[in-house]
Amino acid sequence: MESRSLTDSGQPPPARVRPGGPAPLLLQTVHEHRPGLGAISVLKARGTVDDSNARQFAEALAEHVGHAGQAAEHPLLDLTEVYFACAAAVRCLERATGPLARAGRALAVVQPRPHVREALSNAGLPGVRVHATLVSALHALHAPRQPHPAHPPADRETAGAEPGDPT
């Protein structure tokens, strides 16, 4: 049996309404060079991550993180247009970011929707850092690297944009 959340009007939230089922998962990698930062690689995901495509998501994410490491790029994951529909999606992130966590690093995850942000927060993944905006994620990459605690405290970014960030 599928559990669905409903709005106050009793209708499914707009992100879930799609004739024919959940939105297909689309993945695209964008490579850029940013002055003062160097090379970055952004994996942009769009659609729904569910049991039918969680493996595809995991493989693409692991490949993205691995390639970025070999190419000396800063990996980022843009979840602006993603809906997690199962626990497998969070496990995918955990597996793909495990090597980063063991190296004292983390994958910058940009603009997850509130329910995705909550799932990531509840999971307490040490290899994931959630940022409200791409600007804040890039700003964090400029900061000196420090080992990340196993369960990072909630920061202002997870609640919204930092002062001065365009929204």
N, C-alpha and C. Protein backbone atom coordinates (compact mmCIF):
# COMPACT_ATOMS: atom_id res chain seq x y z
N MET A 1 0.84 -1.17 0.00
CA MET A 1 0.00 0.00 0.00
C MET A 1 0.88 1.24 0.00
N GLU A 2 0.58 2.19 -0.83
CA GLU A 2 1.37 3.41 -0.94
C GLU A 2 0.83 4.47 0.00
N SER A 3 1.74 5.13 0.70
CA SER A 3 1.37 6.22 1.59
C SER A 3 1.50 7.53 0.82
N ARG A 4 0.49 8.34 0.83
CA ARG A 4 0.52 9.62 0.13
C ARG A 4 0.22 10.74 1.10
N SER A 5 0.95 11.85 0.96
CA SER A 5 0.61 12.99 1.77
C SER A 5 -0.37 13.86 0.99
N LEU A 6 -1.27 14.48 1.70
CA LEU A 6 -2.29 15.31 1.07
C LEU A 6 -2.18 16.74 1.57
N THR A 7 -2.59 17.67 0.74
CA THR A 7 -2.63 19.07 1.13
C THR A 7 -3.88 19.29 1.97
N ASP A 8 -4.07 20.51 2.48
CA ASP A 8 -5.25 20.84 3.28
C ASP A 8 -6.54 20.61 2.51
N SER A 9 -6.48 20.69 1.19
CA SER A 9 -7.68 20.49 0.38
C SER A 9 -7.95 19.02 0.11
N GLY A 10 -7.06 18.13 0.61
CA GLY A 10 -7.24 16.70 0.40
C GLY A 10 -6.67 16.21 -0.91
N GLN A 11 -5.97 17.07 -1.65
CA GLN A 11 -5.38 16.71 -2.93
C GLN A 11 -3.90 16.36 -2.74
N PRO A 12 -3.34 15.50 -3.59
CA PRO A 12 -1.90 15.24 -3.51
C PRO A 12 -1.14 16.53 -3.80
N PRO A 13 0.04 16.69 -3.19
CA PRO A 13 0.82 17.90 -3.46
C PRO A 13 1.15 18.00 -4.96
N PRO A 14 1.30 19.22 -5.49
CA PRO A 14 1.53 19.39 -6.93
C PRO A 14 2.74 18.62 -7.46
N ALA A 15 3.80 18.45 -6.67
CA ALA A 15 4.98 17.74 -7.15
C ALA A 15 4.68 16.28 -7.46
N ARG A 16 3.62 15.73 -6.90
CA ARG A 16 3.29 14.33 -7.11
C ARG A 16 2.25 14.12 -8.19
N VAL A 17 1.58 15.20 -8.60
CA VAL A 17 0.52 15.06 -9.58
C VAL A 17 1.13 15.02 -10.97
N ARG A 18 0.98 13.88 -11.64
CA ARG A 18 1.48 13.74 -13.00
C ARG A 18 0.71 12.61 -13.65
N PRO A 19 0.05 12.89 -14.75
CA PRO A 19 -0.65 11.81 -15.42
C PRO A 19 0.32 10.70 -15.79
N GLY A 20 -0.05 9.48 -15.51
CA GLY A 20 0.80 8.35 -15.87
C GLY A 20 1.83 7.99 -14.84
N GLY A 21 1.86 8.65 -13.69
CA GLY A 21 2.80 8.26 -12.63
C GLY A 21 3.84 9.31 -12.34
N PRO A 22 4.88 8.89 -11.59
CA PRO A 22 5.92 9.83 -11.18
C PRO A 22 6.74 10.33 -12.36
N ALA A 23 7.32 11.50 -12.19
CA ALA A 23 8.15 12.08 -13.24
C ALA A 23 9.38 11.22 -13.47
N PRO A 24 9.77 10.99 -14.72
CA PRO A 24 10.96 10.18 -14.99
C PRO A 24 12.21 10.88 -14.47
N LEU A 25 13.21 10.09 -14.13
CA LEU A 25 14.46 10.63 -13.64
C LEU A 25 15.34 11.04 -14.81
N LEU A 26 15.76 12.29 -14.80
CA LEU A 26 16.67 12.83 -15.82
C LEU A 26 17.93 13.30 -15.11
N LEU A 27 19.09 12.95 -15.64
CA LEU A 27 20.37 13.33 -15.04
C LEU A 27 21.24 14.00 -16.08
N GLN A 28 21.89 15.09 -15.69
CA GLN A 28 22.77 15.83 -16.60
C GLN A 28 23.95 16.35 -15.80
N THR A 29 25.15 16.22 -16.34
CA THR A 29 26.35 16.73 -15.69
C THR A 29 26.83 17.97 -16.43
N VAL A 30 27.14 19.00 -15.68
CA VAL A 30 27.65 20.25 -16.22
C VAL A 30 29.02 20.50 -15.59
N HIS A 31 30.02 20.73 -16.43
CA HIS A 31 31.37 21.03 -15.97
C HIS A 31 31.63 22.51 -16.20
N GLU A 32 32.15 23.18 -15.18
CA GLU A 32 32.43 24.62 -15.27
C GLU A 32 33.78 24.90 -14.62
N HIS A 33 34.33 26.04 -14.96
CA HIS A 33 35.53 26.54 -14.28
C HIS A 33 35.15 27.87 -13.65
N ARG A 34 35.35 27.98 -12.35
CA ARG A 34 35.01 29.20 -11.63
C ARG A 34 36.29 29.88 -11.17
N PRO A 35 36.47 31.17 -11.51
CA PRO A 35 37.67 31.88 -11.06
C PRO A 35 37.80 31.84 -9.53
N GLY A 36 39.01 31.56 -9.09
CA GLY A 36 39.27 31.51 -7.66
C GLY A 36 38.86 30.20 -7.00
N LEU A 37 38.15 29.36 -7.70
CA LEU A 37 37.68 28.10 -7.14
C LEU A 37 38.21 26.91 -7.94
N GLY A 38 38.29 27.09 -9.24
CA GLY A 38 38.74 26.00 -10.10
C GLY A 38 37.57 25.29 -10.74
N ALA A 39 37.80 24.02 -11.05
CA ALA A 39 36.80 23.24 -11.77
C ALA A 39 35.73 22.71 -10.83
N ILE A 40 34.49 22.79 -11.29
CA ILE A 40 33.37 22.21 -10.56
C ILE A 40 32.60 21.32 -11.52
N SER A 41 31.92 20.35 -10.96
CA SER A 41 31.11 19.44 -11.74
C SER A 41 29.76 19.33 -11.02
N VAL A 42 28.70 19.71 -11.71
CA VAL A 42 27.37 19.71 -11.11
C VAL A 42 26.53 18.62 -11.77
N LEU A 43 26.07 17.66 -10.96
CA LEU A 43 25.14 16.66 -11.44
C LEU A 43 23.74 17.19 -11.14
N LYS A 44 23.01 17.51 -12.21
CA LYS A 44 21.65 18.03 -12.06
C LYS A 44 20.68 16.88 -12.24
N ALA A 45 19.86 16.67 -11.23
CA ALA A 45 18.87 15.61 -11.28
C ALA A 45 17.49 16.24 -11.33
N ARG A 46 16.58 15.57 -12.04
CA ARG A 46 15.22 16.08 -12.17
C ARG A 46 14.28 14.88 -12.22
N GLY A 47 13.18 14.96 -11.50
CA GLY A 47 12.19 13.90 -11.53
C GLY A 47 12.07 13.21 -10.19
N THR A 48 11.65 11.96 -10.22
CA THR A 48 11.42 11.19 -9.01
C THR A 48 12.42 10.05 -8.91
N VAL A 49 13.05 9.93 -7.74
CA VAL A 49 13.91 8.79 -7.47
C VAL A 49 13.08 7.80 -6.66
N ASP A 50 12.82 6.64 -7.25
CA ASP A 50 12.02 5.62 -6.58
C ASP A 50 12.67 4.26 -6.79
N ASP A 51 11.98 3.20 -6.38
CA ASP A 51 12.55 1.85 -6.50
C ASP A 51 12.92 1.49 -7.93
N SER A 52 12.20 2.02 -8.90
CA SER A 52 12.45 1.65 -10.29
C SER A 52 13.73 2.24 -10.86
N ASN A 53 14.23 3.34 -10.28
CA ASN A 53 15.41 3.98 -10.85
C ASN A 53 16.48 4.34 -9.82
N ALA A 54 16.32 3.88 -8.58
CA ALA A 54 17.29 4.20 -7.54
C ALA A 54 18.69 3.71 -7.91
N ARG A 55 18.76 2.54 -8.54
CA ARG A 55 20.06 2.02 -8.95
C ARG A 55 20.71 2.92 -10.00
N GLN A 56 19.93 3.39 -10.96
CA GLN A 56 20.44 4.31 -11.98
C GLN A 56 20.97 5.58 -11.32
N PHE A 57 20.22 6.11 -10.36
CA PHE A 57 20.63 7.31 -9.63
C PHE A 57 21.94 7.05 -8.88
N ALA A 58 22.02 5.91 -8.19
CA ALA A 58 23.22 5.56 -7.41
C ALA A 58 24.44 5.45 -8.31
N GLU A 59 24.29 4.78 -9.45
CA GLU A 59 25.41 4.61 -10.37
C GLU A 59 25.87 5.95 -10.94
N ALA A 60 24.92 6.79 -11.33
CA ALA A 60 25.28 8.10 -11.88
C ALA A 60 25.97 8.96 -10.83
N LEU A 61 25.47 8.91 -9.61
CA LEU A 61 26.06 9.71 -8.54
C LEU A 61 27.47 9.21 -8.19
N ALA A 62 27.65 7.89 -8.08
CA ALA A 62 28.97 7.33 -7.78
C ALA A 62 29.96 7.68 -8.90
N GLU A 63 29.51 7.59 -10.15
CA GLU A 63 30.36 7.93 -11.28
C GLU A 63 30.72 9.42 -11.23
N HIS A 64 29.75 10.24 -10.91
CA HIS A 64 29.97 11.70 -10.82
C HIS A 64 31.03 12.02 -9.77
N VAL A 65 30.87 11.45 -8.57
CA VAL A 65 31.81 11.72 -7.48
C VAL A 65 33.19 11.18 -7.83
N GLY A 66 33.24 9.98 -8.40
CA GLY A 66 34.53 9.38 -8.79
C GLY A 66 35.24 10.18 -9.86
N HIS A 67 34.51 10.57 -10.89
CA HIS A 67 35.11 11.36 -11.98
C HIS A 67 35.60 12.71 -11.47
N ALA A 68 34.81 13.35 -10.62
CA ALA A 68 35.22 14.65 -10.08
C ALA A 68 36.52 14.51 -9.29
N GLY A 69 36.64 13.42 -8.54
CA GLY A 69 37.87 13.21 -7.78
C GLY A 69 39.08 13.02 -8.69
N GLN A 70 38.92 12.25 -9.75
CA GLN A 70 40.01 12.01 -10.70
C GLN A 70 40.37 13.27 -11.48
N ALA A 71 39.38 14.09 -11.78
CA ALA A 71 39.60 15.29 -12.58
C ALA A 71 39.91 16.53 -11.72
N ALA A 72 40.03 16.34 -10.41
CA ALA A 72 40.29 17.44 -9.47
C ALA A 72 39.20 18.51 -9.56
N GLU A 73 37.96 18.07 -9.70
CA GLU A 73 36.81 18.98 -9.72
C GLU A 73 36.11 18.92 -8.37
N HIS A 74 35.39 19.97 -8.06
CA HIS A 74 34.54 19.98 -6.88
C HIS A 74 33.18 19.42 -7.30
N PRO A 75 32.76 18.28 -6.75
CA PRO A 75 31.46 17.73 -7.14
C PRO A 75 30.32 18.39 -6.39
N LEU A 76 29.23 18.67 -7.10
CA LEU A 76 28.01 19.18 -6.50
C LEU A 76 26.84 18.37 -7.05
N LEU A 77 25.78 18.28 -6.27
CA LEU A 77 24.57 17.58 -6.68
C LEU A 77 23.42 18.56 -6.56
N ASP A 78 22.78 18.89 -7.67
CA ASP A 78 21.65 19.81 -7.69
C ASP A 78 20.35 19.01 -7.63
N LEU A 79 19.65 19.12 -6.50
CA LEU A 79 18.39 18.40 -6.30
C LEU A 79 17.18 19.34 -6.35
N THR A 80 17.34 20.47 -6.99
CA THR A 80 16.27 21.47 -7.06
C THR A 80 14.96 20.88 -7.55
N GLU A 81 15.02 19.99 -8.52
CA GLU A 81 13.80 19.46 -9.14
C GLU A 81 13.63 17.95 -8.92
N VAL A 82 13.99 17.49 -7.71
CA VAL A 82 13.92 16.06 -7.41
C VAL A 82 12.96 15.78 -6.28
N TYR A 83 12.26 14.67 -6.43
CA TYR A 83 11.39 14.16 -5.38
C TYR A 83 11.89 12.77 -5.02
N PHE A 84 12.21 12.54 -3.74
CA PHE A 84 12.59 11.21 -3.28
C PHE A 84 11.31 10.49 -2.89
N ALA A 85 11.09 9.34 -3.47
CA ALA A 85 9.86 8.59 -3.20
C ALA A 85 10.13 7.31 -2.43
N CYS A 86 11.38 7.09 -2.03
CA CYS A 86 11.67 5.86 -1.29
C CYS A 86 12.96 6.02 -0.50
N ALA A 87 13.13 5.13 0.46
CA ALA A 87 14.34 5.15 1.28
C ALA A 87 15.57 4.79 0.47
N ALA A 88 15.39 4.07 -0.63
CA ALA A 88 16.53 3.68 -1.47
C ALA A 88 17.27 4.91 -2.00
N ALA A 89 16.56 6.02 -2.21
CA ALA A 89 17.20 7.24 -2.71
C ALA A 89 18.22 7.76 -1.70
N VAL A 90 17.86 7.74 -0.43
CA VAL A 90 18.79 8.20 0.61
C VAL A 90 19.95 7.22 0.74
N ARG A 91 19.68 5.92 0.65
CA ARG A 91 20.75 4.92 0.70
C ARG A 91 21.73 5.11 -0.46
N CYS A 92 21.21 5.53 -1.63
CA CYS A 92 22.07 5.80 -2.79
C CYS A 92 23.07 6.90 -2.45
N LEU A 93 22.57 7.94 -1.83
CA LEU A 93 23.45 9.05 -1.44
C LEU A 93 24.49 8.58 -0.42
N GLU A 94 24.05 7.75 0.51
CA GLU A 94 24.96 7.26 1.54
C GLU A 94 26.10 6.44 0.91
N ARG A 95 25.76 5.54 0.01
CA ARG A 95 26.78 4.71 -0.64
C ARG A 95 27.73 5.55 -1.50
N ALA A 96 27.18 6.47 -2.25
CA ALA A 96 28.00 7.26 -3.17
C ALA A 96 28.89 8.26 -2.43
N THR A 97 28.46 8.73 -1.27
CA THR A 97 29.24 9.75 -0.55
C THR A 97 30.08 9.15 0.57
N GLY A 98 29.99 7.85 0.78
CA GLY A 98 30.80 7.20 1.82
C GLY A 98 32.28 7.47 1.67
N PRO A 99 32.84 7.30 0.45
CA PRO A 99 34.27 7.59 0.29
C PRO A 99 34.64 9.04 0.62
N LEU A 100 33.76 9.97 0.29
CA LEU A 100 34.02 11.37 0.63
C LEU A 100 34.05 11.55 2.15
N ALA A 101 33.07 10.95 2.84
CA ALA A 101 33.00 11.07 4.30
C ALA A 101 34.24 10.49 4.95
N ARG A 102 34.70 9.34 4.45
CA ARG A 102 35.89 8.71 5.03
C ARG A 102 37.14 9.56 4.80
N ALA A 103 37.12 10.40 3.77
CA ALA A 103 38.25 11.29 3.48
C ALA A 103 38.07 12.65 4.16
N GLY A 104 37.03 12.79 4.98
CA GLY A 104 36.79 14.06 5.67
C GLY A 104 36.19 15.12 4.78
N ARG A 105 35.56 14.71 3.69
CA ARG A 105 34.95 15.65 2.75
C ARG A 105 33.46 15.37 2.67
N ALA A 106 32.77 16.20 1.91
CA ALA A 106 31.32 16.00 1.74
C ALA A 106 30.90 16.49 0.37
N LEU A 107 29.82 15.90 -0.12
CA LEU A 107 29.21 16.31 -1.38
C LEU A 107 28.27 17.48 -1.09
N ALA A 108 28.45 18.56 -1.81
CA ALA A 108 27.54 19.70 -1.67
C ALA A 108 26.24 19.36 -2.40
N VAL A 109 25.14 19.37 -1.68
CA VAL A 109 23.82 19.10 -2.25
C VAL A 109 23.07 20.42 -2.26
N VAL A 110 22.62 20.83 -3.44
CA VAL A 110 22.05 22.15 -3.63
C VAL A 110 20.53 22.10 -3.75
N GLN A 111 19.88 22.95 -3.01
CA GLN A 111 18.45 23.25 -3.06
C GLN A 111 17.51 22.06 -3.05
N PRO A 112 17.67 21.13 -2.12
CA PRO A 112 16.67 20.06 -2.08
C PRO A 112 15.34 20.62 -1.62
N ARG A 113 14.26 20.05 -2.11
CA ARG A 113 12.92 20.44 -1.67
C ARG A 113 12.80 20.14 -0.18
N PRO A 114 11.87 20.79 0.51
CA PRO A 114 11.77 20.61 1.97
C PRO A 114 11.69 19.15 2.42
N HIS A 115 10.91 18.32 1.75
CA HIS A 115 10.79 16.92 2.18
C HIS A 115 12.08 16.15 1.93
N VAL A 116 12.83 16.50 0.89
CA VAL A 116 14.11 15.86 0.62
C VAL A 116 15.13 16.32 1.65
N ARG A 117 15.13 17.63 1.95
CA ARG A 117 16.03 18.18 2.97
C ARG A 117 15.78 17.49 4.30
N GLU A 118 14.52 17.27 4.64
CA GLU A 118 14.18 16.61 5.90
C GLU A 118 14.68 15.16 5.90
N ALA A 119 14.51 14.46 4.79
CA ALA A 119 15.00 13.08 4.70
C ALA A 119 16.52 13.03 4.86
N LEU A 120 17.22 13.96 4.25
CA LEU A 120 18.68 14.00 4.37
C LEU A 120 19.10 14.34 5.80
N SER A 121 18.39 15.28 6.40
CA SER A 121 18.69 15.64 7.78
C SER A 121 18.47 14.47 8.72
N ASN A 122 17.35 13.77 8.55
CA ASN A 122 17.05 12.62 9.40
C ASN A 122 18.07 11.50 9.22
N ALA A 123 18.59 11.36 8.01
CA ALA A 123 19.56 10.30 7.73
C ALA A 123 20.93 10.61 8.35
N GLY A 124 21.24 11.90 8.54
CA GLY A 124 22.51 12.28 9.15
C GLY A 124 23.72 11.78 8.39
N LEU A 125 23.70 11.91 7.07
CA LEU A 125 24.80 11.40 6.26
C LEU A 125 26.03 12.29 6.39
N PRO A 126 27.16 11.74 6.85
CA PRO A 126 28.36 12.56 7.03
C PRO A 126 28.99 13.01 5.72
N GLY A 127 28.68 12.35 4.61
CA GLY A 127 29.25 12.72 3.32
C GLY A 127 28.40 13.67 2.52
N VAL A 128 27.41 14.31 3.17
CA VAL A 128 26.49 15.22 2.48
C VAL A 128 26.42 16.54 3.24
N ARG A 129 26.52 17.63 2.51
CA ARG A 129 26.32 18.98 3.07
C ARG A 129 25.23 19.64 2.25
N VAL A 130 24.14 20.01 2.89
CA VAL A 130 23.00 20.62 2.21
C VAL A 130 23.17 22.13 2.19
N HIS A 131 22.94 22.72 1.02
CA HIS A 131 23.03 24.17 0.85
C HIS A 131 21.74 24.67 0.23
N ALA A 132 21.29 25.82 0.70
CA ALA A 132 20.04 26.40 0.22
C ALA A 132 20.15 26.91 -1.22
N THR A 133 21.36 27.31 -1.62
CA THR A 133 21.54 27.87 -2.96
C THR A 133 22.89 27.42 -3.53
N LEU A 134 23.02 27.52 -4.84
CA LEU A 134 24.30 27.23 -5.48
C LEU A 134 25.35 28.22 -4.99
N VAL A 135 24.96 29.46 -4.79
CA VAL A 135 25.90 30.48 -4.32
C VAL A 135 26.48 30.09 -2.96
N SER A 136 25.63 29.63 -2.05
CA SER A 136 26.14 29.24 -0.73
C SER A 136 27.02 28.00 -0.81
N ALA A 137 26.68 27.07 -1.72
CA ALA A 137 27.51 25.87 -1.90
C ALA A 137 28.89 26.26 -2.43
N LEU A 138 28.93 27.15 -3.41
CA LEU A 138 30.21 27.59 -3.96
C LEU A 138 31.01 28.37 -2.92
N HIS A 139 30.33 29.17 -2.14
CA HIS A 139 30.99 29.93 -1.07
C HIS A 139 31.64 28.96 -0.07
N ALA A 140 30.94 27.89 0.28
CA ALA A 140 31.47 26.91 1.22
C ALA A 140 32.70 26.20 0.66
N LEU A 141 32.78 26.06 -0.66
CA LEU A 141 33.94 25.44 -1.27
C LEU A 141 35.18 26.31 -1.13
N HIS A 142 34.98 27.63 -1.02
CA HIS A 142 36.09 28.56 -0.83
C HIS A 142 36.67 28.45 0.57
N ALA A 143 35.82 28.07 1.53
CA ALA A 143 36.25 28.00 2.93
C ALA A 143 37.28 26.89 3.10
N PRO A 144 38.19 27.08 4.07
CA PRO A 144 39.18 26.02 4.30
C PRO A 144 38.49 24.73 4.72
N ARG A 145 39.00 23.60 4.22
CA ARG A 145 38.40 22.31 4.53
C ARG A 145 38.76 21.89 5.94
N GLN A 146 37.75 21.41 6.66
CA GLN A 146 37.94 20.85 7.97
C GLN A 146 37.22 19.52 8.00
N PRO A 147 37.71 18.59 8.82
CA PRO A 147 37.00 17.31 8.91
C PRO A 147 35.57 17.54 9.35
N HIS A 148 34.65 16.80 8.74
CA HIS A 148 33.24 16.93 9.07
C HIS A 148 32.87 15.96 10.17
N PRO A 149 32.09 16.43 11.18
CA PRO A 149 31.65 15.51 12.23
C PRO A 149 30.71 14.45 11.65
N ALA A 150 30.59 13.34 12.36
CA ALA A 150 29.73 12.24 11.88
C ALA A 150 28.29 12.70 11.70
N HIS A 151 27.80 13.52 12.57
CA HIS A 151 26.44 14.05 12.45
C HIS A 151 26.51 15.56 12.59
N PRO A 152 26.64 16.27 11.46
CA PRO A 152 26.82 17.73 11.52
C PRO A 152 25.61 18.41 12.12
N PRO A 153 25.84 19.46 12.90
CA PRO A 153 24.71 20.21 13.45
C PRO A 153 23.97 20.93 12.34
N ALA A 154 22.71 21.16 12.55
CA ALA A 154 21.92 21.90 11.56
C ALA A 154 22.47 23.31 11.50
N ASP A 155 22.63 23.83 10.30
CA ASP A 155 23.11 25.20 10.18
C ASP A 155 22.05 26.06 9.50
N ARG A 156 22.37 27.33 9.37
CA ARG A 156 21.39 28.26 8.81
C ARG A 156 21.04 27.92 7.38
N GLU A 157 21.97 27.28 6.66
CA GLU A 157 21.70 26.98 5.25
C GLU A 157 20.55 26.03 5.08
N THR A 158 20.40 25.07 6.00
CA THR A 158 19.34 24.11 5.83
C THR A 158 17.98 24.73 6.07
N ALA A 159 17.95 25.88 6.72
CA ALA A 159 16.68 26.55 6.96
C ALA A 159 16.34 27.56 5.88
N GLY A 160 17.32 27.99 5.10
CA GLY A 160 17.05 28.97 4.05
C GLY A 160 18.34 29.58 3.57
N ALA A 161 18.22 30.58 2.72
CA ALA A 161 19.39 31.22 2.15
C ALA A 161 20.12 32.03 3.18
N GLU A 162 21.42 32.12 3.01
CA GLU A 162 22.22 32.94 3.89
C GLU A 162 22.08 34.39 3.48
N PRO A 163 22.34 35.31 4.44
CA PRO A 163 22.26 36.74 4.09
C PRO A 163 23.17 37.05 2.92
N GLY A 164 22.66 37.81 1.99
CA GLY A 164 23.41 38.21 0.83
C GLY A 164 23.31 37.27 -0.34
N ASP A 165 22.75 36.06 -0.14
CA ASP A 165 22.56 35.13 -1.24
C ASP A 165 21.34 35.54 -2.04
N PRO A 166 21.44 35.57 -3.36
CA PRO A 166 20.25 35.84 -4.14
C PRO A 166 19.30 34.64 -4.06
N THR A 167 18.04 34.89 -3.98
CA THR A 167 17.06 33.80 -3.91
C THR A 167 16.15 33.80 -5.09
